[in-house]
C-alpha atoms as a PDB file:
ATOM      1  CA  MET A   1       5.524  75.448 -36.527  1.00  0.00           C
ATOM      2  CA  ASN A   2       4.877  78.272 -34.041  1.00  0.00           C
ATOM      3  CA  LYS A   3       6.672  80.669 -36.355  1.00  0.00           C
ATOM      4  CA  ILE A   4       4.024  80.390 -39.041  1.00  0.00           C
ATOM      5  CA  PHE A   5       1.029  80.492 -36.693  1.00  0.00           C
ATOM      6  CA  TRP A   6       0.170  84.095 -37.555  1.00  0.00           C
ATOM      7  CA  LEU A   7       0.411  83.484 -41.297  1.00  0.00           C
ATOM      8  CA  VAL A   8      -1.977  80.553 -40.922  1.00  0.00           C
ATOM      9  CA  PHE A   9      -4.228  82.667 -38.683  1.00  0.00           C
ATOM     10  CA  PHE A  10      -4.458  85.422 -41.302  1.00  0.00           C
ATOM     11  CA  PHE A  11      -5.048  82.817 -44.013  1.00  0.00           C
ATOM     12  CA  ILE A  12      -7.960  81.339 -42.049  1.00  0.00           C
ATOM     13  CA  LEU A  13      -9.303  84.826 -41.306  1.00  0.00           C
ATOM     14  CA  GLY A  14      -9.237  85.739 -44.994  1.00  0.00           C
ATOM     15  CA  GLY A  15     -10.691  82.360 -45.887  1.00  0.00           C
ATOM     16  CA  ALA A  16     -13.595  82.968 -43.510  1.00  0.00           C
ATOM     17  CA  GLY A  17     -14.222  86.305 -45.218  1.00  0.00           C
ATOM     18  CA  VAL A  18     -14.268  84.666 -48.639  1.00  0.00           C
ATOM     19  CA  LEU A  19     -16.570  81.895 -47.377  1.00  0.00           C
ATOM     20  CA  PHE A  20     -18.940  84.558 -46.092  1.00  0.00           C
ATOM     21  CA  ILE A  21     -19.326  86.167 -49.524  1.00  0.00           C
ATOM     22  CA  LEU A  22     -19.543  83.028 -51.669  1.00  0.00           C
ATOM     23  CA  PRO A  23     -23.087  82.745 -53.047  1.00  0.00           C
ATOM     24  CA  SER A  24     -23.668  78.990 -53.197  1.00  0.00           C
ATOM     25  CA  PHE A  25     -23.140  75.924 -51.063  1.00  0.00           C
ATOM     26  CA  THR A  26     -21.127  74.241 -53.823  1.00  0.00           C
ATOM     27  CA  LEU A  27     -18.661  77.124 -54.045  1.00  0.00           C
ATOM     28  CA  ARG A  28     -18.347  77.231 -50.272  1.00  0.00           C
ATOM     29  CA  LEU A  29     -17.653  73.514 -50.156  1.00  0.00           C
ATOM     30  CA  LEU A  30     -15.065  73.820 -52.922  1.00  0.00           C
ATOM     31  CA  PHE A  31     -13.365  76.703 -51.135  1.00  0.00           C
ATOM     32  CA  ILE A  32     -13.343  74.781 -47.847  1.00  0.00           C
ATOM     33  CA  LEU A  33     -11.551  71.967 -49.671  1.00  0.00           C
ATOM     34  CA  ILE A  34      -8.999  74.472 -50.976  1.00  0.00           C
ATOM     35  CA  ILE A  35      -8.496  75.863 -47.468  1.00  0.00           C
ATOM     36  CA  LEU A  36      -8.028  72.362 -46.086  1.00  0.00           C
ATOM     37  CA  ALA A  37      -5.551  71.516 -48.854  1.00  0.00           C
ATOM     38  CA  VAL A  38      -3.459  74.595 -48.061  1.00  0.00           C
ATOM     39  CA  LEU A  39      -3.583  73.825 -44.345  1.00  0.00           C
ATOM     40  CA  ALA A  40      -2.590  70.191 -44.987  1.00  0.00           C
ATOM     41  CA  TRP A  41       0.299  71.365 -47.170  1.00  0.00           C
ATOM     42  CA  THR A  42       1.372  73.741 -44.401  1.00  0.00           C
ATOM     43  CA  LEU A  43       1.255  71.046 -41.731  1.00  0.00           C
ATOM     44  CA  ARG A  44       3.006  68.482 -43.908  1.00  0.00           C
ATOM     45  CA  ALA A  45       5.795  70.881 -44.861  1.00  0.00           C
ATOM     46  CA  GLY A  46       6.467  71.719 -41.212  1.00  0.00           C
ATOM     47  CA  ARG A  47       9.700  73.643 -40.784  1.00  0.00           C
ATOM     48  CA  LYS A  48      10.502  73.354 -44.486  1.00  0.00           C
ATOM     49  CA  ILE A  49       7.535  75.541 -45.422  1.00  0.00           C
ATOM     50  CA  GLU A  50       8.139  78.100 -48.140  1.00  0.00           C
ATOM     51  CA  ILE A  51       7.215  81.351 -46.420  1.00  0.00           C
ATOM     52  CA  ASN A  52       6.816  83.301 -49.668  1.00  0.00           C
ATOM     53  CA  ILE A  53       4.179  80.932 -51.020  1.00  0.00           C
ATOM     54  CA  LEU A  54       2.163  80.863 -47.804  1.00  0.00           C
ATOM     55  CA  ALA A  55       2.374  84.644 -47.408  1.00  0.00           C
ATOM     56  CA  LEU A  56       1.306  85.267 -51.008  1.00  0.00           C
ATOM     57  CA  ILE A  57      -1.623  82.841 -50.750  1.00  0.00           C
ATOM     58  CA  THR A  58      -2.628  84.574 -47.527  1.00  0.00           C
ATOM     59  CA  ALA A  59      -2.364  87.992 -49.167  1.00  0.00           C
ATOM     60  CA  TYR A  60      -4.608  86.958 -52.058  1.00  0.00           C
ATOM     61  CA  VAL A  61      -7.227  85.467 -49.768  1.00  0.00           C
ATOM     62  CA  LEU A  62      -7.193  88.555 -47.525  1.00  0.00           C
ATOM     63  CA  SER A  63      -7.432  90.969 -50.455  1.00  0.00           C
ATOM     64  CA  THR A  64     -10.288  88.987 -51.998  1.00  0.00           C
ATOM     65  CA  ALA A  65     -12.108  88.935 -48.668  1.00  0.00           C
ATOM     66  CA  GLN A  66     -11.695  92.642 -47.989  1.00  0.00           C
ATOM     67  CA  PHE A  67     -12.699  93.824 -51.455  1.00  0.00           C
ATOM     68  CA  GLY A  68     -15.534  91.286 -51.587  1.00  0.00           C
ATOM     69  CA  LEU A  69     -16.919  92.395 -48.241  1.00  0.00           C
ATOM     70  CA  HIS A  70     -16.704  96.010 -49.393  1.00  0.00           C
ATOM     71  CA  PHE A  71     -18.383  95.132 -52.699  1.00  0.00           C
ATOM     72  CA  PHE A  72     -21.340  93.371 -51.088  1.00  0.00           C
ATOM     73  CA  PHE A  73     -21.729  95.248 -47.807  1.00  0.00           C
ATOM     74  CA  ARG A  74     -20.269  98.686 -48.561  1.00  0.00           C
ATOM     75  CA  ILE A  75     -17.834  98.701 -45.682  1.00  0.00           C
ATOM     76  CA  PRO A  76     -16.632 102.295 -45.189  1.00  0.00           C
ATOM     77  CA  ALA A  77     -13.468 103.160 -47.072  1.00  0.00           C
ATOM     78  CA  TRP A  78     -11.686 104.310 -43.923  1.00  0.00           C
ATOM     79  CA  ALA A  79     -12.263 100.901 -42.310  1.00  0.00           C
ATOM     80  CA  LEU A  80     -10.884  99.130 -45.368  1.00  0.00           C
ATOM     81  CA  LEU A  81      -7.921 101.503 -45.308  1.00  0.00           C
ATOM     82  CA  VAL A  82      -7.135 100.658 -41.673  1.00  0.00           C
ATOM     83  CA  VAL A  83      -7.609  96.911 -42.155  1.00  0.00           C
ATOM     84  CA  THR A  84      -5.392  96.908 -45.245  1.00  0.00           C
ATOM     85  CA  PHE A  85      -2.676  98.856 -43.441  1.00  0.00           C
ATOM     86  CA  ILE A  86      -2.738  96.393 -40.554  1.00  0.00           C
ATOM     87  CA  TRP A  87      -2.633  93.148 -42.516  1.00  0.00           C
ATOM     88  CA  VAL A  88      -0.086  94.324 -45.079  1.00  0.00           C
ATOM     89  CA  THR A  89       2.207  95.655 -42.344  1.00  0.00           C
ATOM     90  CA  VAL A  90       1.871  92.481 -40.281  1.00  0.00           C
ATOM     91  CA  LEU A  91       2.429  90.192 -43.282  1.00  0.00           C
ATOM     92  CA  PHE A  92       5.595  92.034 -44.262  1.00  0.00           C
ATOM     93  CA  TRP A  93       6.822  92.090 -40.669  1.00  0.00           C
ATOM     94  CA  LEU A  94       6.139  88.349 -40.311  1.00  0.00           C
ATOM     95  CA  GLY A  95       7.809  87.622 -43.624  1.00  0.00           C
ATOM     96  CA  PHE A  96      10.932  89.514 -42.632  1.00  0.00           C
ATOM     97  CA  ARG A  97      10.918  87.920 -39.187  1.00  0.00           C
ATOM     98  CA  LEU A  98      10.681  84.428 -40.628  1.00  0.00           C
ATOM     99  CA  LYS A  99      13.203  85.040 -43.417  1.00  0.00           C
ATOM    100  CA  ILE A 100      15.945  87.054 -41.730  1.00  0.00           C
ATOM    101  CA  GLY A 101      15.404  86.313 -38.045  1.00  0.00           C
ATOM    102  CA  ASN A 102      15.862  89.468 -36.007  1.00  0.00           C
ATOM    103  CA  ILE A 103      13.916  92.432 -37.273  1.00  0.00           C
ATOM    104  CA  THR A 104      16.199  95.308 -38.158  1.00  0.00           C
ATOM    105  CA  THR A 105      15.182  98.949 -38.143  1.00  0.00           C
ATOM    106  CA  SER A 106      15.069  98.966 -41.929  1.00  0.00           C
ATOM    107  CA  ALA A 107      12.759  95.920 -41.909  1.00  0.00           C
ATOM    108  CA  LYS A 108      10.413  97.632 -39.447  1.00  0.00           C
ATOM    109  CA  LEU A 109      10.390 100.789 -41.524  1.00  0.00           C
ATOM    110  CA  LEU A 110       9.898  98.860 -44.752  1.00  0.00           C
ATOM    111  CA  SER A 111       6.968  96.983 -43.185  1.00  0.00           C
ATOM    112  CA  LEU A 112       5.294 100.237 -42.166  1.00  0.00           C
ATOM    113  CA  VAL A 113       5.906 101.892 -45.533  1.00  0.00           C
ATOM    114  CA  THR A 114       4.517  98.915 -47.446  1.00  0.00           C
ATOM    115  CA  GLY A 115       1.491  98.870 -45.141  1.00  0.00           C
ATOM    116  CA  LEU A 116       0.881 102.542 -45.851  1.00  0.00           C
ATOM    117  CA  ALA A 117       1.376 102.058 -49.592  1.00  0.00           C
ATOM    118  CA  GLY A 118      -0.951  99.042 -49.549  1.00  0.00           C
ATOM    119  CA  ALA A 119      -3.635 101.054 -47.773  1.00  0.00           C
ATOM    120  CA  GLU A 120      -3.322 103.882 -50.287  1.00  0.00           C
ATOM    121  CA  ILE A 121      -3.500 101.483 -53.225  1.00  0.00           C
ATOM    122  CA  ALA A 122      -6.567  99.797 -51.721  1.00  0.00           C
ATOM    123  CA  LEU A 123      -8.249 103.169 -51.296  1.00  0.00           C
ATOM    124  CA  ALA A 124      -7.538 104.101 -54.911  1.00  0.00           C
ATOM    125  CA  LEU A 125      -8.830 100.746 -56.162  1.00  0.00           C
ATOM    126  CA  LEU A 126     -12.139 101.264 -54.362  1.00  0.00           C
ATOM    127  CA  PHE A 127     -13.019 103.857 -56.998  1.00  0.00           C
ATOM    128  CA  TRP A 128     -12.562 101.468 -59.917  1.00  0.00           C
ATOM    129  CA  PRO A 129     -15.822 100.381 -61.579  1.00  0.00           C
ATOM    130  CA  THR A 130     -14.830  96.718 -61.657  1.00  0.00           C
ATOM    131  CA  HIS A 131     -15.866  93.529 -59.943  1.00  0.00           C
ATOM    132  CA  PHE A 132     -14.178  92.840 -56.622  1.00  0.00           C
ATOM    133  CA  LEU A 133     -12.249  89.881 -58.060  1.00  0.00           C
ATOM    134  CA  VAL A 134     -10.572  92.152 -60.597  1.00  0.00           C
ATOM    135  CA  THR A 135      -9.831  94.732 -57.921  1.00  0.00           C
ATOM    136  CA  SER A 136      -8.427  92.173 -55.497  1.00  0.00           C
ATOM    137  CA  THR A 137      -6.289  90.586 -58.207  1.00  0.00           C
ATOM    138  CA  VAL A 138      -4.839  93.971 -59.190  1.00  0.00           C
ATOM    139  CA  PHE A 139      -4.086  94.660 -55.535  1.00  0.00           C
ATOM    140  CA  PHE A 140      -2.516  91.231 -55.148  1.00  0.00           C
ATOM    141  CA  LEU A 141      -0.297  91.657 -58.216  1.00  0.00           C
ATOM    142  CA  LEU A 142       1.021  94.947 -56.869  1.00  0.00           C
ATOM    143  CA  PHE A 143       1.460  93.320 -53.458  1.00  0.00           C
ATOM    144  CA  TYR A 144       3.354  90.461 -55.118  1.00  0.00           C
ATOM    145  CA  LEU A 145       5.743  92.843 -56.848  1.00  0.00           C
ATOM    146  CA  VAL A 146       6.461  94.802 -53.676  1.00  0.00           C
ATOM    147  CA  TRP A 147       6.743  91.578 -51.635  1.00  0.00           C
ATOM    148  CA  MET A 148       9.310  90.064 -53.961  1.00  0.00           C
ATOM    149  CA  MET A 149      11.361  93.254 -54.268  1.00  0.00           C
ATOM    150  CA  ALA A 150      11.324  93.834 -50.503  1.00  0.00           C
ATOM    151  CA  ASN A 151      12.416  90.265 -49.823  1.00  0.00           C
ATOM    152  CA  PHE A 152      15.179  90.473 -52.422  1.00  0.00           C
ATOM    153  CA  TYR A 153      16.315  93.743 -50.854  1.00  0.00           C
ATOM    154  CA  MET A 154      16.297  92.405 -47.292  1.00  0.00           C
ATOM    155  CA  LEU A 155      18.217  89.292 -48.365  1.00  0.00           C
ATOM    156  CA  GLY A 156      20.729  91.426 -50.262  1.00  0.00           C
ATOM    157  CA  ILE A 157      20.016  89.829 -53.646  1.00  0.00           C
ATOM    158  CA  LEU A 158      18.024  92.587 -55.333  1.00  0.00           C
ATOM    159  CA  SER A 159      19.269  93.158 -58.858  1.00  0.00           C
ATOM    160  CA  ARG A 160      18.104  94.938 -61.961  1.00  0.00           C
ATOM    161  CA  ASN A 161      17.479  91.586 -63.655  1.00  0.00           C
ATOM    162  CA  ARG A 162      15.215  90.322 -60.842  1.00  0.00           C
ATOM    163  CA  LEU A 163      13.326  93.602 -60.822  1.00  0.00           C
ATOM    164  CA  LEU A 164      12.850  93.455 -64.580  1.00  0.00           C
ATOM    165  CA  ILE A 165      11.656  89.837 -64.645  1.00  0.00           C
ATOM    166  CA  HIS A 166       9.075  90.292 -61.899  1.00  0.00           C
ATOM    167  CA  SER A 167       7.921  93.661 -63.245  1.00  0.00           C
ATOM    168  CA  VAL A 168       7.395  92.266 -66.743  1.00  0.00           C
ATOM    169  CA  PHE A 169       5.448  89.336 -65.298  1.00  0.00           C
ATOM    170  CA  VAL A 170       3.175  91.662 -63.299  1.00  0.00           C
ATOM    171  CA  VAL A 171       2.659  94.009 -66.256  1.00  0.00           C
ATOM    172  CA  LEU A 172       1.729  91.105 -68.541  1.00  0.00           C
ATOM    173  CA  VAL A 173      -0.769  89.623 -66.099  1.00  0.00           C
ATOM    174  CA  LEU A 174      -2.193  93.071 -65.308  1.00  0.00           C
ATOM    175  CA  SER A 175      -2.570  93.812 -69.010  1.00  0.00           C
ATOM    176  CA  VAL A 176      -4.480  90.615 -69.673  1.00  0.00           C
ATOM    177  CA  LEU A 177      -6.613  91.132 -66.581  1.00  0.00           C
ATOM    178  CA  LEU A 178      -7.471  94.761 -67.252  1.00  0.00           C
ATOM    179  CA  PHE A 179      -8.100  94.350 -70.976  1.00  0.00           C
ATOM    180  CA  THR A 180     -10.507  91.486 -70.347  1.00  0.00           C
ATOM    181  CA  ALA A 181     -12.243  92.999 -67.312  1.00  0.00           C
ATOM    182  CA  GLN A 182     -15.748  94.376 -67.481  1.00  0.00           C
ATOM    183  CA  TRP A 183     -15.455  98.038 -66.529  1.00  0.00           C
ATOM    184  CA  THR A 184     -19.004  98.623 -65.359  1.00  0.00           C
ATOM    185  CA  ILE A 185     -20.830  97.324 -62.356  1.00  0.00           C
END
């Protein structure tokens, strides 16, 4: 259970950020129930926890929190850039550590590169005239694609077919999301 402590910590941190921006007591209560359900699932699964699922849930909560806090409180872009770099790098590093054991040089480098790419994507998305939920979902979908490809690569099972399936899925969801999004704030 100690191995997933930091994933749970980042999940709770992101959850606190989302709770802070929710406008009503009912939504906060509902989100607290969701947080408790995820934590109960994590505790019940124990050592059999699926790291990918927990990491992806954590990534979505963190991205929603960071873009929501920026949307409501106009956090400076440089601060969001630094925070995004840190949490994306740490999530990838933790994911590799939990999946493959010892961190290789390529895993360290891949963690840093994905953190840098995540920070750059977050900075670019700050200029979009969309609601923070659209922005955070776009960021998450790109994170998901990179997460899956990086994990397939590190496990030695990356193939053209896997890349195609996950890319098509992300493109379809992005298309629906962006075509239905309101492009003015």
